[in-house]
């Protein structure tokens, strides 16, 4: 049995959760060079089984900080996968890229992805970096995280807006005054903005000042 077939068969046995899929991907990264790892990931992306494509996405995420081509694969190909589970792994893969690059150093890519025409790419950032202020750099400068997230309150995708609202609510647990100050400025006329506002401010005392 070759390596590709072994990974596919192992992945197929995973009915729920992602832990063993992530472990399988890490075993590839630990034992193969960049080219072989990427080739295996590309082959796995062709699988009809979402589990195999999840393994591929984990592998590509592990390559992305060292390989611009892998990062482009996440953005341009993996983001087009129709399975929600693959999109969950895309978010994890993007966070790994940021962690290995350094969150501050990754800011240009974070901004680029947040401006993508693809809702899946935008959501990979908003969801992947949760809890934003649990990450280095954003932990020390939460306002930067808020400034990156807040413009997406007007996003055309409900999927993205919910992620933004939840991410801001996460931040509000430790920094209610910052989130209160930001959301107080919003025009709540558009229904989508009201949706994000309700999620973001759910835990904030209405008397909080910022």
Protein backbone atom coordinates (compact mmCIF):
# COMPACT_ATOMS: atom_id res chain seq x y z
CA UNK A 1 0.00 0.00 0.00
CA UNK A 2 1.49 3.37 -0.96
CA UNK A 3 1.50 6.44 1.28
CA UNK A 4 -1.39 8.16 -0.48
CA UNK A 5 -3.67 5.14 -0.25
CA UNK A 6 -2.77 4.60 3.40
CA UNK A 7 -3.67 8.20 4.25
CA UNK A 8 -6.96 7.98 2.36
CA UNK A 9 -7.95 4.76 4.11
CA UNK A 10 -6.99 6.14 7.52
CA UNK A 11 -8.91 9.35 6.88
CA UNK A 12 -12.00 7.45 5.76
CA UNK A 13 -12.21 5.83 9.20
CA UNK A 14 -12.73 9.25 10.82
CA UNK A 15 -16.46 9.79 11.14
CA UNK A 16 -16.40 12.75 13.51
CA UNK A 17 -13.89 15.34 14.62
CA UNK A 18 -10.62 16.44 13.10
CA UNK A 19 -7.92 15.37 15.55
CA UNK A 20 -6.75 12.21 13.78
CA UNK A 21 -6.90 13.99 10.42
CA UNK A 22 -4.61 16.67 11.82
CA UNK A 23 -2.31 14.00 13.25
CA UNK A 24 -2.13 12.23 9.89
CA UNK A 25 -1.20 15.51 8.22
CA UNK A 26 1.48 16.28 10.78
CA UNK A 27 3.01 12.84 10.27
CA UNK A 28 3.39 13.69 6.58
CA UNK A 29 4.97 17.05 7.39
CA UNK A 30 7.36 15.43 9.85
CA UNK A 31 8.49 12.68 7.48
CA UNK A 32 8.42 14.18 3.98
CA UNK A 33 10.13 17.16 2.39
CA UNK A 34 8.18 20.18 1.16
CA UNK A 35 7.81 18.96 -2.42
CA UNK A 36 6.62 15.48 -1.47
CA UNK A 37 4.26 16.88 1.19
CA UNK A 38 2.75 19.28 -1.33
CA UNK A 39 2.38 16.52 -3.93
CA UNK A 40 0.56 14.31 -1.44
CA UNK A 41 -1.71 17.20 -0.47
CA UNK A 42 -2.54 17.95 -4.10
CA UNK A 43 -3.42 14.31 -4.68
CA UNK A 44 -5.59 14.23 -1.55
CA UNK A 45 -7.45 17.35 -2.71
CA UNK A 46 -8.71 15.28 -5.65
CA UNK A 47 -10.42 12.79 -3.33
CA UNK A 48 -14.20 12.50 -3.19
CA UNK A 49 -13.91 12.01 0.57
CA UNK A 50 -14.02 15.21 2.60
CA UNK A 51 -11.78 13.61 5.24
CA UNK A 52 -8.94 13.23 2.74
CA UNK A 53 -9.37 16.82 1.61
CA UNK A 54 -9.25 17.90 5.26
CA UNK A 55 -5.92 16.10 5.67
CA UNK A 56 -4.70 17.87 2.53
CA UNK A 57 -5.73 21.24 3.96
CA UNK A 58 -3.92 20.56 7.22
CA UNK A 59 -0.78 19.63 5.24
CA UNK A 60 -0.96 22.76 3.10
CA UNK A 61 -1.48 24.87 6.21
CA UNK A 62 1.70 23.40 7.64
CA UNK A 63 3.61 24.40 4.50
CA UNK A 64 2.14 27.87 4.01
CA UNK A 65 4.53 29.89 6.18
CA UNK A 66 7.49 28.58 4.20
CA UNK A 67 5.88 28.29 0.78
CA UNK A 68 3.93 31.11 -0.87
CA UNK A 69 2.52 28.60 -3.33
CA UNK A 70 0.92 26.65 -0.49
CA UNK A 71 -0.65 29.81 0.89
CA UNK A 72 -2.06 30.56 -2.56
CA UNK A 73 -3.48 27.02 -2.71
CA UNK A 74 -5.38 27.67 0.50
CA UNK A 75 -6.73 30.97 -0.79
CA UNK A 76 -7.53 30.01 -4.36
CA UNK A 77 -8.36 26.31 -4.29
CA UNK A 78 -9.24 25.07 -0.83
CA UNK A 79 -11.57 28.03 -0.30
CA UNK A 80 -13.66 26.76 -3.21
CA UNK A 81 -14.40 23.40 -1.58
CA UNK A 82 -18.13 22.98 -1.01
CA UNK A 83 -17.81 20.95 2.21
CA UNK A 84 -18.15 22.98 5.42
CA UNK A 85 -15.71 20.69 7.22
CA UNK A 86 -12.96 21.57 4.77
CA UNK A 87 -13.72 25.24 5.37
CA UNK A 88 -13.33 24.70 9.12
CA UNK A 89 -9.87 23.28 8.46
CA UNK A 90 -9.08 26.19 6.14
CA UNK A 91 -9.64 28.51 9.10
CA UNK A 92 -7.31 26.41 11.25
CA UNK A 93 -4.73 26.29 8.46
CA UNK A 94 -4.75 30.07 8.11
CA UNK A 95 -4.24 30.49 11.84
CA UNK A 96 -1.27 28.12 11.67
CA UNK A 97 0.20 30.22 8.87
CA UNK A 98 -0.20 33.35 11.01
CA UNK A 99 1.24 31.69 14.12
CA UNK A 100 4.31 30.41 12.27
CA UNK A 101 4.80 33.68 10.38
CA UNK A 102 4.09 35.81 13.44
CA UNK A 103 0.74 37.56 13.75
CA UNK A 104 2.18 41.04 13.32
CA UNK A 105 4.28 39.99 10.34
CA UNK A 106 1.20 38.31 8.85
CA UNK A 107 -0.88 41.52 8.95
CA UNK A 108 -0.52 42.25 5.21
CA UNK A 109 -1.85 38.78 4.38
CA UNK A 110 -4.59 39.08 7.00
CA UNK A 111 -5.73 42.33 5.39
CA UNK A 112 -5.50 40.83 1.90
CA UNK A 113 -7.65 37.84 2.87
CA UNK A 114 -10.19 40.03 4.68
CA UNK A 115 -10.60 41.93 1.41
CA UNK A 116 -11.06 38.81 -0.70
CA UNK A 117 -14.16 38.46 -2.90
CA UNK A 118 -14.56 34.95 -1.45
CA UNK A 119 -16.67 34.68 1.70
CA UNK A 120 -14.81 31.50 2.62
CA UNK A 121 -11.47 33.31 2.49
CA UNK A 122 -12.74 36.22 4.60
CA UNK A 123 -14.29 33.84 7.11
CA UNK A 124 -11.08 31.79 7.33
CA UNK A 125 -9.52 34.89 8.91
CA UNK A 126 -12.37 36.04 11.13
CA UNK A 127 -13.00 32.53 12.45
CA UNK A 128 -9.49 31.10 12.27
CA UNK A 129 -7.96 33.74 14.53
CA UNK A 130 -10.57 33.39 17.28
CA UNK A 131 -10.06 34.12 20.05
CA UNK A 132 -8.18 37.01 18.45
CA UNK A 133 -6.94 38.50 21.70
CA UNK A 134 -5.66 35.10 22.77
CA UNK A 135 -3.09 35.36 19.98
CA UNK A 136 0.30 37.04 20.35
CA UNK A 137 0.37 40.65 19.14
CA UNK A 138 -3.42 41.01 19.31
CA UNK A 139 -3.26 40.11 23.00
CA UNK A 140 -1.16 43.22 23.56
CA UNK A 141 -2.99 45.42 21.05
CA UNK A 142 -6.65 44.40 20.93
CA UNK A 143 -7.62 47.59 19.12
CA UNK A 144 -5.86 46.32 16.00
CA UNK A 145 -8.05 43.21 16.03
CA UNK A 146 -11.18 45.32 16.46
CA UNK A 147 -10.12 47.63 13.63
CA UNK A 148 -9.62 44.65 11.33
CA UNK A 149 -12.94 43.03 12.18
CA UNK A 150 -15.26 46.02 12.41
CA UNK A 151 -15.44 46.89 8.68
CA UNK A 152 -16.87 43.44 7.98
CA UNK A 153 -20.03 44.31 9.91
CA UNK A 154 -21.38 45.27 6.48
CA UNK A 155 -20.25 42.05 4.81
CA UNK A 156 -22.66 40.63 2.27
CA UNK A 157 -22.35 37.13 3.72
CA UNK A 158 -24.37 36.13 6.78
CA UNK A 159 -21.74 33.43 7.35
CA UNK A 160 -19.00 36.06 7.64
CA UNK A 161 -21.07 38.54 9.66
CA UNK A 162 -21.87 35.92 12.29
CA UNK A 163 -18.19 35.09 12.61
CA UNK A 164 -17.33 38.79 12.97
CA UNK A 165 -19.97 39.32 15.64
CA UNK A 166 -18.82 36.28 17.58
CA UNK A 167 -15.16 37.33 17.30
CA UNK A 168 -15.96 40.80 18.65
CA UNK A 169 -17.97 39.25 21.47
CA UNK A 170 -14.92 37.15 22.37
CA UNK A 171 -12.85 40.32 22.59
CA UNK A 172 -15.50 42.06 24.68
CA UNK A 173 -15.01 39.58 27.51
CA UNK A 174 -11.71 41.23 28.44
CA UNK A 175 -12.06 44.55 26.63
CA UNK A 176 -15.72 45.58 26.87
CA UNK A 177 -14.91 49.28 26.75
CA UNK A 178 -13.07 48.95 23.42
CA UNK A 179 -15.85 46.98 21.75
CA UNK A 180 -18.48 49.32 23.23
CA UNK A 181 -16.65 52.35 21.86
CA UNK A 182 -16.43 50.79 18.40
CA UNK A 183 -20.01 49.56 18.16
CA UNK A 184 -21.42 52.83 19.50
CA UNK A 185 -20.31 54.49 16.26
CA UNK A 186 -22.19 52.12 13.96
CA UNK A 187 -25.20 52.99 11.84
CA UNK A 188 -27.67 50.29 12.86
CA UNK A 189 -30.07 50.91 10.00
CA UNK A 190 -28.88 47.95 7.86
CA UNK A 191 -30.24 44.64 9.22
CA UNK A 192 -26.86 42.95 8.76
CA UNK A 193 -25.13 45.52 10.93
CA UNK A 194 -27.80 45.13 13.60
CA UNK A 195 -27.13 41.38 13.53
CA UNK A 196 -23.39 41.86 14.10
CA UNK A 197 -24.05 44.49 16.78
CA UNK A 198 -26.35 42.15 18.70
CA UNK A 199 -23.74 39.39 18.69
CA UNK A 200 -20.82 41.69 19.49
CA UNK A 201 -22.48 43.46 22.42
CA UNK A 202 -24.34 40.54 23.96
CA UNK A 203 -22.05 40.42 27.01
CA UNK A 204 -21.48 44.17 27.39
CA UNK A 205 -23.21 46.09 30.14
CA UNK A 206 -25.18 48.83 28.35
CA UNK A 207 -23.71 51.37 30.77
CA UNK A 208 -20.13 50.51 29.78
CA UNK A 209 -18.24 53.55 28.56
CA UNK A 210 -15.35 53.55 26.16
